Amino acid sequence: MTMSLRRPQRPAQVGNVRAGPSQQVREPTLVDIPVGSPSAGTVVLGEFRTLSAVRFTEDLGAVDERIMEAVEIGLRAVLDR
């Protein structure tokens, strides 16, 4: 009698999305936040970055609803783990 061990099949990969039998999992994508110089501030991607730079205090006008929806989706993906 012989026994063979088979490796489990990996989900098919399409770009950054792994398609499983019943779900799709989006792989995280790293986004860099440009700042003038690191300082004591918020840790983003393992580095200290400041959020008090001028670019964060300027009023750039109304934010498009689609941008707010994209930000909300991104935050939910990170915080709802």
N, C-alpha and C. Protein backbone atom coordinates (compact mmCIF):
# COMPACT_ATOMS: atom_id res chain seq x y z
N MET A 1 0.85 -1.17 0.00
CA MET A 1 0.00 0.00 0.00
C MET A 1 0.90 1.24 0.00
N THR A 2 0.64 2.16 -0.90
CA THR A 2 1.42 3.39 -0.95
C THR A 2 0.51 4.57 -0.65
N MET A 3 1.10 5.54 0.02
CA MET A 3 0.36 6.77 0.34
C MET A 3 1.08 7.93 -0.30
N SER A 4 0.34 8.84 -0.85
CA SER A 4 0.98 10.03 -1.41
C SER A 4 0.40 11.26 -0.73
N LEU A 5 1.28 12.19 -0.43
CA LEU A 5 0.86 13.45 0.17
C LEU A 5 0.81 14.50 -0.92
N ARG A 6 -0.28 15.19 -1.01
CA ARG A 6 -0.42 16.25 -2.01
C ARG A 6 -0.42 17.59 -1.31
N ARG A 7 0.25 18.54 -1.92
CA ARG A 7 0.22 19.91 -1.40
C ARG A 7 -1.16 20.50 -1.64
N PRO A 8 -1.63 21.31 -0.69
CA PRO A 8 -2.90 21.99 -0.95
C PRO A 8 -2.75 22.95 -2.12
N GLN A 9 -3.79 23.06 -2.90
CA GLN A 9 -3.74 23.95 -4.05
C GLN A 9 -3.77 25.39 -3.59
N ARG A 10 -2.95 26.21 -4.23
CA ARG A 10 -2.95 27.64 -3.94
C ARG A 10 -4.08 28.30 -4.70
N PRO A 11 -4.66 29.36 -4.12
CA PRO A 11 -5.70 30.08 -4.84
C PRO A 11 -5.12 30.74 -6.10
N ALA A 12 -5.95 30.86 -7.12
CA ALA A 12 -5.51 31.53 -8.34
C ALA A 12 -5.21 32.99 -8.03
N GLN A 13 -4.16 33.52 -8.62
CA GLN A 13 -3.80 34.90 -8.36
C GLN A 13 -4.06 35.75 -9.59
N VAL A 14 -4.73 36.87 -9.35
CA VAL A 14 -5.01 37.83 -10.41
C VAL A 14 -4.53 39.18 -9.90
N GLY A 15 -3.40 39.67 -10.40
CA GLY A 15 -2.87 40.95 -9.92
C GLY A 15 -2.58 40.88 -8.44
N ASN A 16 -3.16 41.81 -7.69
CA ASN A 16 -2.98 41.84 -6.24
C ASN A 16 -4.13 41.17 -5.51
N VAL A 17 -5.00 40.47 -6.23
CA VAL A 17 -6.16 39.85 -5.60
C VAL A 17 -5.98 38.35 -5.62
N ARG A 18 -6.10 37.72 -4.46
CA ARG A 18 -6.06 36.26 -4.39
C ARG A 18 -7.49 35.76 -4.35
N ALA A 19 -7.86 34.96 -5.33
CA ALA A 19 -9.22 34.44 -5.39
C ALA A 19 -9.26 33.09 -4.70
N GLY A 20 -10.01 32.99 -3.61
CA GLY A 20 -10.17 31.74 -2.90
C GLY A 20 -11.45 31.07 -3.33
N PRO A 21 -11.77 29.93 -2.73
CA PRO A 21 -12.98 29.22 -3.12
C PRO A 21 -14.26 30.03 -2.90
N SER A 22 -14.31 30.81 -1.83
CA SER A 22 -15.55 31.54 -1.56
C SER A 22 -15.34 33.03 -1.32
N GLN A 23 -14.12 33.52 -1.48
CA GLN A 23 -13.88 34.93 -1.20
C GLN A 23 -12.69 35.44 -1.99
N GLN A 24 -12.59 36.75 -2.06
CA GLN A 24 -11.43 37.38 -2.66
C GLN A 24 -10.75 38.21 -1.58
N VAL A 25 -9.43 38.09 -1.47
CA VAL A 25 -8.67 38.83 -0.48
C VAL A 25 -7.73 39.76 -1.22
N ARG A 26 -7.86 41.06 -0.99
CA ARG A 26 -6.97 42.02 -1.65
C ARG A 26 -5.69 42.14 -0.84
N GLU A 27 -4.57 41.97 -1.52
CA GLU A 27 -3.27 42.12 -0.87
C GLU A 27 -3.04 43.59 -0.55
N PRO A 28 -2.43 43.89 0.60
CA PRO A 28 -2.17 45.30 0.93
C PRO A 28 -1.14 45.90 -0.02
N THR A 29 -1.33 47.15 -0.34
CA THR A 29 -0.40 47.89 -1.18
C THR A 29 0.17 49.03 -0.35
N LEU A 30 1.50 49.14 -0.31
CA LEU A 30 2.13 50.19 0.48
C LEU A 30 2.09 51.52 -0.26
N VAL A 31 1.70 52.55 0.44
CA VAL A 31 1.65 53.89 -0.12
C VAL A 31 2.53 54.78 0.74
N ASP A 32 3.42 55.50 0.14
CA ASP A 32 4.33 56.38 0.87
C ASP A 32 3.70 57.75 1.03
N ILE A 33 3.86 58.35 2.20
CA ILE A 33 3.35 59.70 2.46
C ILE A 33 4.55 60.64 2.47
N PRO A 34 4.66 61.53 1.48
CA PRO A 34 5.83 62.41 1.44
C PRO A 34 5.77 63.48 2.53
N VAL A 35 6.87 63.66 3.23
CA VAL A 35 6.97 64.71 4.24
C VAL A 35 8.35 65.34 4.15
N GLY A 36 8.48 66.54 4.71
CA GLY A 36 9.75 67.26 4.65
C GLY A 36 10.86 66.55 5.39
N SER A 37 10.65 66.26 6.66
CA SER A 37 11.67 65.56 7.44
C SER A 37 10.99 64.79 8.56
N PRO A 38 11.53 63.62 8.91
CA PRO A 38 10.93 62.84 9.99
C PRO A 38 11.01 63.58 11.32
N SER A 39 10.00 63.41 12.13
CA SER A 39 10.00 63.99 13.47
C SER A 39 9.13 63.11 14.36
N ALA A 40 9.10 63.44 15.63
CA ALA A 40 8.23 62.70 16.54
C ALA A 40 6.80 62.93 16.09
N GLY A 41 6.15 61.90 15.66
CA GLY A 41 4.80 62.05 15.12
C GLY A 41 4.13 60.71 15.00
N THR A 42 3.43 60.53 13.95
CA THR A 42 2.69 59.30 13.73
C THR A 42 3.57 58.27 13.03
N VAL A 43 3.46 57.01 13.44
CA VAL A 43 4.21 55.95 12.79
C VAL A 43 3.41 55.49 11.58
N VAL A 44 4.00 55.64 10.40
CA VAL A 44 3.35 55.20 9.16
C VAL A 44 4.33 54.30 8.44
N LEU A 45 3.94 53.06 8.19
CA LEU A 45 4.79 52.09 7.50
C LEU A 45 6.14 51.91 8.20
N GLY A 46 6.11 51.93 9.53
CA GLY A 46 7.31 51.66 10.29
C GLY A 46 8.28 52.81 10.39
N GLU A 47 7.92 53.98 9.92
CA GLU A 47 8.80 55.13 10.01
C GLU A 47 8.05 56.26 10.69
N PHE A 48 8.80 57.12 11.39
CA PHE A 48 8.17 58.27 12.01
C PHE A 48 7.94 59.35 10.96
N ARG A 49 6.72 59.80 10.88
CA ARG A 49 6.37 60.86 9.92
C ARG A 49 5.56 61.91 10.66
N THR A 50 5.66 63.13 10.25
CA THR A 50 4.89 64.18 10.89
C THR A 50 3.66 64.51 10.06
N LEU A 51 2.58 64.79 10.74
CA LEU A 51 1.36 65.20 10.05
C LEU A 51 1.09 66.69 10.26
N SER A 52 2.06 67.41 10.80
CA SER A 52 1.84 68.82 11.08
C SER A 52 2.44 69.72 10.01
N ALA A 53 2.89 69.16 8.90
CA ALA A 53 3.47 69.96 7.83
C ALA A 53 2.40 70.87 7.22
N VAL A 54 2.84 71.89 6.53
CA VAL A 54 1.92 72.87 5.94
C VAL A 54 0.90 72.20 5.03
N ARG A 55 1.30 71.17 4.31
CA ARG A 55 0.36 70.54 3.36
C ARG A 55 -0.87 69.96 4.05
N PHE A 56 -0.77 69.68 5.34
CA PHE A 56 -1.91 69.14 6.06
C PHE A 56 -2.76 70.22 6.70
N THR A 57 -2.33 71.46 6.68
CA THR A 57 -3.11 72.53 7.28
C THR A 57 -3.71 73.47 6.24
N GLU A 58 -3.29 73.34 4.98
CA GLU A 58 -3.86 74.18 3.93
C GLU A 58 -5.29 73.73 3.63
N ASP A 59 -6.17 74.68 3.37
CA ASP A 59 -7.52 74.35 2.95
C ASP A 59 -7.52 74.19 1.44
N LEU A 60 -7.69 72.95 0.99
CA LEU A 60 -7.64 72.67 -0.44
C LEU A 60 -9.03 72.60 -1.07
N GLY A 61 -10.04 73.00 -0.32
CA GLY A 61 -11.40 72.99 -0.87
C GLY A 61 -12.14 71.71 -0.52
N ALA A 62 -13.29 71.55 -1.15
CA ALA A 62 -14.16 70.41 -0.86
C ALA A 62 -13.51 69.10 -1.32
N VAL A 63 -13.76 68.04 -0.57
CA VAL A 63 -13.25 66.72 -0.91
C VAL A 63 -14.35 65.98 -1.66
N ASP A 64 -13.98 65.42 -2.79
CA ASP A 64 -14.92 64.68 -3.62
C ASP A 64 -15.49 63.49 -2.84
N GLU A 65 -16.77 63.20 -3.03
CA GLU A 65 -17.43 62.11 -2.31
C GLU A 65 -16.78 60.76 -2.61
N ARG A 66 -16.30 60.57 -3.83
CA ARG A 66 -15.65 59.31 -4.19
C ARG A 66 -14.35 59.12 -3.43
N ILE A 67 -13.63 60.22 -3.19
CA ILE A 67 -12.38 60.13 -2.43
C ILE A 67 -12.68 59.74 -0.99
N MET A 68 -13.71 60.34 -0.40
CA MET A 68 -14.08 60.00 0.98
C MET A 68 -14.51 58.54 1.07
N GLU A 69 -15.22 58.05 0.06
CA GLU A 69 -15.64 56.65 0.06
C GLU A 69 -14.41 55.73 -0.02
N ALA A 70 -13.44 56.09 -0.85
CA ALA A 70 -12.22 55.29 -0.98
C ALA A 70 -11.44 55.28 0.33
N VAL A 71 -11.37 56.42 1.00
CA VAL A 71 -10.68 56.50 2.30
C VAL A 71 -11.39 55.62 3.32
N GLU A 72 -12.71 55.68 3.34
CA GLU A 72 -13.48 54.87 4.28
C GLU A 72 -13.27 53.38 4.03
N ILE A 73 -13.27 52.98 2.77
CA ILE A 73 -13.04 51.57 2.43
C ILE A 73 -11.65 51.14 2.89
N GLY A 74 -10.66 52.00 2.66
CA GLY A 74 -9.30 51.67 3.08
C GLY A 74 -9.17 51.54 4.59
N LEU A 75 -9.80 52.47 5.32
CA LEU A 75 -9.74 52.40 6.78
C LEU A 75 -10.46 51.17 7.31
N ARG A 76 -11.60 50.84 6.72
CA ARG A 76 -12.32 49.64 7.16
C ARG A 76 -11.49 48.38 6.91
N ALA A 77 -10.79 48.33 5.77
CA ALA A 77 -9.97 47.17 5.46
C ALA A 77 -8.85 46.99 6.48
N VAL A 78 -8.31 48.10 6.97
CA VAL A 78 -7.22 48.03 7.94
C VAL A 78 -7.74 47.78 9.35
N LEU A 79 -8.80 48.46 9.74
CA LEU A 79 -9.26 48.43 11.13
C LEU A 79 -10.21 47.28 11.45
N ASP A 80 -10.87 46.70 10.45
CA ASP A 80 -11.85 45.64 10.70
C ASP A 80 -11.24 44.25 10.59
N ARG A 81 -10.00 44.09 10.99
CA ARG A 81 -9.35 42.77 10.88
C ARG A 81 -9.72 41.89 12.02
